[in-house]
């Protein structure tokens, strides 16, 4: 079994998004994935090349303005293995609300 570890980071960001207010990390069925801090894991049961998705559900926060967060893929190196990561998308998200009826993600 191998783990891909990632974190949702808002420290040092002006106008940070808040987990549970602006967004949640969810599984493919939309169920919120709990985290005591801001780190999460994707489990790969076999040590073979595989791909998975990080799902971010945007919430309907009516507050106007831009809120930001970053998804950072963390190094996963142990004495037994090194999980190598390849990214296909930029991992910074911005939430912008111009009114309570419209939500944007870029």
N, C-alpha and C. Protein backbone atom coordinates (compact mmCIF):
# COMPACT_ATOMS: atom_id res chain seq x y z
N UNK A 1 0.84 -1.17 0.00
CA UNK A 1 0.00 0.00 0.00
C UNK A 1 0.89 1.24 0.00
N UNK A 2 0.49 2.25 -0.77
CA UNK A 2 1.22 3.50 -0.81
C UNK A 2 0.24 4.65 -0.63
N UNK A 3 0.73 5.73 -0.07
CA UNK A 3 -0.10 6.89 0.20
C UNK A 3 0.41 8.09 -0.58
N UNK A 4 -0.51 8.85 -1.12
CA UNK A 4 -0.21 10.17 -1.64
C UNK A 4 -0.76 11.13 -0.59
N UNK A 5 0.09 11.94 -0.03
CA UNK A 5 -0.33 12.88 1.00
C UNK A 5 -0.44 14.27 0.40
N UNK A 6 -1.49 14.99 0.81
CA UNK A 6 -1.64 16.37 0.36
C UNK A 6 -2.24 17.21 1.47
N UNK A 7 -2.06 18.52 1.36
CA UNK A 7 -2.56 19.44 2.38
C UNK A 7 -3.23 20.63 1.70
N UNK A 8 -4.29 21.13 2.33
CA UNK A 8 -4.92 22.37 1.91
C UNK A 8 -4.32 23.46 2.77
N UNK A 9 -3.67 24.43 2.14
CA UNK A 9 -2.90 25.43 2.86
C UNK A 9 -3.48 26.81 2.62
N UNK A 10 -3.66 27.56 3.71
CA UNK A 10 -4.13 28.94 3.61
C UNK A 10 -3.23 29.91 4.37
N UNK A 11 -2.24 29.39 5.09
CA UNK A 11 -1.33 30.24 5.86
C UNK A 11 -0.52 31.14 4.96
N UNK A 12 -0.41 32.40 5.32
CA UNK A 12 0.35 33.36 4.54
C UNK A 12 -0.37 33.86 3.31
N UNK A 13 -1.63 33.48 3.14
CA UNK A 13 -2.41 33.90 1.97
C UNK A 13 -3.35 35.02 2.40
N UNK A 14 -3.34 36.10 1.65
CA UNK A 14 -4.27 37.19 1.89
C UNK A 14 -5.65 36.75 1.45
N UNK A 15 -6.65 36.91 2.29
CA UNK A 15 -8.01 36.49 1.95
C UNK A 15 -8.14 34.98 1.89
N UNK A 16 -7.73 34.27 2.95
CA UNK A 16 -7.75 32.81 2.90
C UNK A 16 -9.17 32.24 2.91
N UNK A 17 -9.38 31.18 2.14
CA UNK A 17 -10.64 30.45 2.17
C UNK A 17 -10.68 29.60 3.43
N UNK A 18 -11.87 29.33 3.93
CA UNK A 18 -12.01 28.54 5.15
C UNK A 18 -12.69 27.22 4.83
N UNK A 19 -12.04 26.13 5.25
CA UNK A 19 -12.64 24.81 5.10
C UNK A 19 -13.93 24.75 5.90
N UNK A 20 -14.97 24.22 5.32
CA UNK A 20 -16.26 24.13 5.98
C UNK A 20 -17.13 25.37 5.78
N UNK A 21 -16.53 26.46 5.31
CA UNK A 21 -17.28 27.69 5.03
C UNK A 21 -17.27 27.97 3.53
N UNK A 22 -16.08 27.93 2.93
CA UNK A 22 -15.92 28.20 1.50
C UNK A 22 -15.80 26.93 0.66
N UNK A 23 -15.25 25.87 1.25
CA UNK A 23 -15.02 24.63 0.51
C UNK A 23 -14.91 23.46 1.48
N UNK A 24 -15.02 22.27 0.96
CA UNK A 24 -14.73 21.03 1.69
C UNK A 24 -13.95 20.11 0.77
N UNK A 25 -13.13 19.27 1.34
CA UNK A 25 -12.49 18.19 0.60
C UNK A 25 -13.43 17.00 0.72
N UNK A 26 -13.81 16.43 -0.41
CA UNK A 26 -14.79 15.34 -0.43
C UNK A 26 -14.26 14.17 -1.23
N UNK A 27 -14.91 13.00 -1.08
CA UNK A 27 -14.58 11.86 -1.91
C UNK A 27 -15.41 11.93 -3.19
N UNK A 28 -15.27 10.93 -4.06
CA UNK A 28 -15.97 10.98 -5.35
C UNK A 28 -17.48 10.93 -5.22
N UNK A 29 -17.99 10.56 -4.04
CA UNK A 29 -19.43 10.53 -3.81
C UNK A 29 -19.94 11.81 -3.15
N UNK A 30 -19.04 12.76 -2.87
CA UNK A 30 -19.42 14.02 -2.26
C UNK A 30 -19.43 14.01 -0.75
N UNK A 31 -18.97 12.91 -0.13
CA UNK A 31 -18.91 12.82 1.32
C UNK A 31 -17.67 13.57 1.82
N UNK A 32 -17.87 14.44 2.79
CA UNK A 32 -16.76 15.22 3.34
C UNK A 32 -15.74 14.29 3.97
N UNK A 33 -14.47 14.52 3.66
CA UNK A 33 -13.37 13.76 4.25
C UNK A 33 -12.88 14.54 5.47
N UNK A 34 -12.98 13.98 6.66
CA UNK A 34 -12.55 14.72 7.85
C UNK A 34 -11.03 14.80 7.95
N UNK A 35 -10.55 15.85 8.59
CA UNK A 35 -9.12 16.01 8.83
C UNK A 35 -8.95 16.81 10.12
N UNK A 36 -8.14 16.28 11.03
CA UNK A 36 -7.88 16.97 12.30
C UNK A 36 -7.02 18.22 12.07
N UNK A 37 -6.22 18.22 11.02
CA UNK A 37 -5.41 19.39 10.69
C UNK A 37 -5.82 19.85 9.28
N UNK A 38 -4.95 19.83 8.33
CA UNK A 38 -5.33 20.16 6.95
C UNK A 38 -4.73 19.16 5.97
N UNK A 39 -4.31 17.99 6.48
CA UNK A 39 -3.68 17.01 5.60
C UNK A 39 -4.65 15.87 5.29
N UNK A 40 -4.47 15.30 4.10
CA UNK A 40 -5.31 14.23 3.60
C UNK A 40 -4.43 13.21 2.90
N UNK A 41 -4.97 12.02 2.65
CA UNK A 41 -4.23 10.98 1.96
C UNK A 41 -5.11 10.30 0.92
N UNK A 42 -4.49 9.92 -0.17
CA UNK A 42 -5.12 9.03 -1.15
C UNK A 42 -4.37 7.72 -1.04
N UNK A 43 -5.10 6.63 -0.84
CA UNK A 43 -4.48 5.32 -0.66
C UNK A 43 -4.47 4.58 -1.98
N UNK A 44 -3.28 4.09 -2.35
CA UNK A 44 -3.12 3.22 -3.51
C UNK A 44 -2.77 1.84 -2.97
N UNK A 45 -3.69 0.86 -3.09
CA UNK A 45 -3.49 -0.44 -2.46
C UNK A 45 -2.32 -1.25 -3.02
N UNK A 46 -1.92 -0.98 -4.25
CA UNK A 46 -0.80 -1.72 -4.86
C UNK A 46 0.28 -0.73 -5.28
N UNK A 47 1.50 -1.18 -5.26
CA UNK A 47 2.62 -0.33 -5.66
C UNK A 47 2.78 -0.38 -7.18
N UNK A 48 1.77 0.12 -7.88
CA UNK A 48 1.79 0.18 -9.34
C UNK A 48 1.41 1.59 -9.76
N UNK A 49 1.69 1.92 -11.01
CA UNK A 49 1.31 3.23 -11.51
C UNK A 49 -0.20 3.36 -11.46
N UNK A 50 -0.68 4.45 -10.89
CA UNK A 50 -2.12 4.68 -10.77
C UNK A 50 -2.38 6.17 -10.74
N UNK A 51 -3.64 6.53 -10.95
CA UNK A 51 -4.04 7.92 -10.94
C UNK A 51 -5.33 8.05 -10.13
N UNK A 52 -5.49 9.18 -9.44
CA UNK A 52 -6.72 9.44 -8.71
C UNK A 52 -6.97 10.94 -8.73
N UNK A 53 -8.05 11.37 -8.13
CA UNK A 53 -8.48 12.75 -8.19
C UNK A 53 -8.69 13.31 -6.79
N UNK A 54 -8.32 14.56 -6.59
CA UNK A 54 -8.63 15.29 -5.37
C UNK A 54 -9.89 16.10 -5.67
N UNK A 55 -10.94 15.87 -4.89
CA UNK A 55 -12.21 16.55 -5.11
C UNK A 55 -12.39 17.68 -4.11
N UNK A 56 -12.72 18.87 -4.62
CA UNK A 56 -12.96 20.03 -3.78
C UNK A 56 -14.37 20.51 -4.07
N UNK A 57 -15.20 20.51 -3.04
CA UNK A 57 -16.58 20.96 -3.18
C UNK A 57 -16.67 22.41 -2.71
N UNK A 58 -17.11 23.29 -3.61
CA UNK A 58 -17.28 24.69 -3.25
C UNK A 58 -18.61 24.88 -2.56
N UNK A 59 -18.60 25.62 -1.47
CA UNK A 59 -19.81 25.86 -0.69
C UNK A 59 -20.39 27.23 -1.02
N UNK A 60 -21.61 27.45 -0.68
CA UNK A 60 -22.31 28.69 -1.02
C UNK A 60 -22.14 29.75 0.05
N UNK A 61 -20.92 30.19 0.25
CA UNK A 61 -20.67 31.27 1.20
C UNK A 61 -21.13 32.58 0.56
N UNK A 62 -22.09 33.27 1.17
CA UNK A 62 -22.62 34.49 0.56
C UNK A 62 -21.71 35.72 0.72
N UNK A 63 -20.64 35.61 1.49
CA UNK A 63 -19.77 36.77 1.71
C UNK A 63 -19.09 37.16 0.40
N UNK A 64 -19.10 38.44 0.04
CA UNK A 64 -18.43 38.88 -1.19
C UNK A 64 -16.92 38.88 -1.02
N UNK A 65 -16.22 38.87 -2.13
CA UNK A 65 -14.77 38.97 -2.10
C UNK A 65 -14.09 37.73 -2.64
N UNK A 66 -12.78 37.78 -2.69
CA UNK A 66 -11.95 36.68 -3.18
C UNK A 66 -11.33 35.98 -2.00
N UNK A 67 -11.42 34.66 -1.97
CA UNK A 67 -10.78 33.85 -0.96
C UNK A 67 -9.94 32.79 -1.66
N UNK A 68 -8.75 32.51 -1.13
CA UNK A 68 -7.80 31.64 -1.82
C UNK A 68 -7.37 30.49 -0.93
N UNK A 69 -6.90 29.41 -1.58
CA UNK A 69 -6.27 28.30 -0.89
C UNK A 69 -5.33 27.61 -1.88
N UNK A 70 -4.43 26.81 -1.36
CA UNK A 70 -3.54 26.00 -2.19
C UNK A 70 -3.66 24.56 -1.77
N UNK A 71 -3.59 23.66 -2.73
CA UNK A 71 -3.49 22.24 -2.45
C UNK A 71 -2.04 21.87 -2.74
N UNK A 72 -1.33 21.45 -1.71
CA UNK A 72 0.09 21.10 -1.85
C UNK A 72 0.26 19.60 -1.71
N UNK A 73 0.90 19.00 -2.70
CA UNK A 73 1.23 17.58 -2.65
C UNK A 73 2.49 17.44 -1.80
N UNK A 74 2.43 16.60 -0.77
CA UNK A 74 3.53 16.46 0.18
C UNK A 74 4.43 15.29 -0.19
N UNK A 75 5.71 15.43 0.13
CA UNK A 75 6.64 14.32 -0.08
C UNK A 75 6.26 13.15 0.80
N UNK A 76 6.37 11.96 0.27
CA UNK A 76 6.09 10.75 1.04
C UNK A 76 7.27 9.81 0.87
N UNK A 77 8.26 9.99 1.73
CA UNK A 77 9.49 9.20 1.65
C UNK A 77 9.67 8.45 2.96
N UNK A 78 9.82 7.14 2.87
CA UNK A 78 10.10 6.31 4.05
C UNK A 78 11.36 5.52 3.77
N UNK A 79 11.77 4.69 4.72
CA UNK A 79 12.94 3.84 4.51
C UNK A 79 12.65 2.74 3.49
N UNK A 80 11.36 2.49 3.22
CA UNK A 80 10.99 1.42 2.28
C UNK A 80 10.64 1.91 0.89
N UNK A 81 10.15 3.15 0.76
CA UNK A 81 9.73 3.62 -0.56
C UNK A 81 9.70 5.14 -0.63
N UNK A 82 9.62 5.63 -1.86
CA UNK A 82 9.46 7.04 -2.16
C UNK A 82 8.32 7.14 -3.17
N UNK A 83 7.20 7.73 -2.77
CA UNK A 83 6.07 7.88 -3.68
C UNK A 83 6.35 9.07 -4.57
N UNK A 84 6.46 8.82 -5.87
CA UNK A 84 6.73 9.87 -6.85
C UNK A 84 5.40 10.40 -7.35
N UNK A 85 5.29 11.72 -7.48
CA UNK A 85 4.03 12.34 -7.86
C UNK A 85 4.19 13.08 -9.18
N UNK A 86 3.16 13.00 -10.01
CA UNK A 86 3.10 13.75 -11.25
C UNK A 86 1.80 14.52 -11.27
N UNK A 87 1.86 15.80 -11.56
CA UNK A 87 0.67 16.64 -11.50
C UNK A 87 0.25 17.04 -12.90
N UNK A 88 -1.06 17.06 -13.11
CA UNK A 88 -1.57 17.49 -14.41
C UNK A 88 -2.27 18.84 -14.35
N UNK A 89 -2.49 19.35 -13.16
CA UNK A 89 -3.18 20.64 -13.03
C UNK A 89 -2.51 21.51 -11.99
N UNK A 90 -2.67 22.80 -12.17
CA UNK A 90 -2.18 23.77 -11.19
C UNK A 90 -2.99 23.59 -9.90
N UNK A 91 -2.34 23.71 -8.76
CA UNK A 91 -3.01 23.37 -7.50
C UNK A 91 -3.36 24.57 -6.63
N UNK A 92 -3.56 25.73 -7.23
CA UNK A 92 -4.02 26.88 -6.44
C UNK A 92 -5.47 27.14 -6.80
N UNK A 93 -6.28 27.37 -5.80
CA UNK A 93 -7.68 27.66 -6.07
C UNK A 93 -8.04 29.03 -5.54
N UNK A 94 -8.95 29.67 -6.21
CA UNK A 94 -9.46 30.95 -5.76
C UNK A 94 -10.97 30.91 -5.78
N UNK A 95 -11.58 31.34 -4.73
CA UNK A 95 -13.03 31.44 -4.66
C UNK A 95 -13.39 32.91 -4.75
N UNK A 96 -14.31 33.22 -5.62
CA UNK A 96 -14.70 34.62 -5.78
C UNK A 96 -16.21 34.70 -5.80
N UNK A 97 -16.73 35.63 -5.06
CA UNK A 97 -18.17 35.84 -5.04
C UNK A 97 -18.45 37.29 -5.36
N UNK A 98 -19.26 37.53 -6.40
CA UNK A 98 -19.64 38.89 -6.73
C UNK A 98 -21.04 39.17 -6.22
N UNK A 99 -21.78 38.13 -5.92
CA UNK A 99 -23.08 38.27 -5.27
C UNK A 99 -23.39 36.94 -4.61
N UNK A 100 -24.46 36.88 -3.87
CA UNK A 100 -24.79 35.62 -3.20
C UNK A 100 -25.30 34.56 -4.17
N UNK A 101 -25.55 34.94 -5.41
CA UNK A 101 -26.09 33.99 -6.40
C UNK A 101 -25.02 33.35 -7.28
N UNK A 102 -23.80 33.88 -7.29
CA UNK A 102 -22.78 33.40 -8.22
C UNK A 102 -21.50 33.01 -7.48
N UNK A 103 -20.98 31.84 -7.78
CA UNK A 103 -19.72 31.39 -7.22
C UNK A 103 -18.80 31.03 -8.37
N UNK A 104 -17.55 31.41 -8.26
CA UNK A 104 -16.58 31.14 -9.31
C UNK A 104 -15.40 30.40 -8.72
N UNK A 105 -14.80 29.55 -9.50
CA UNK A 105 -13.59 28.86 -9.10
C UNK A 105 -12.62 28.99 -10.26
N UNK A 106 -11.44 29.47 -9.99
CA UNK A 106 -10.47 29.59 -11.07
C UNK A 106 -9.13 29.09 -10.62
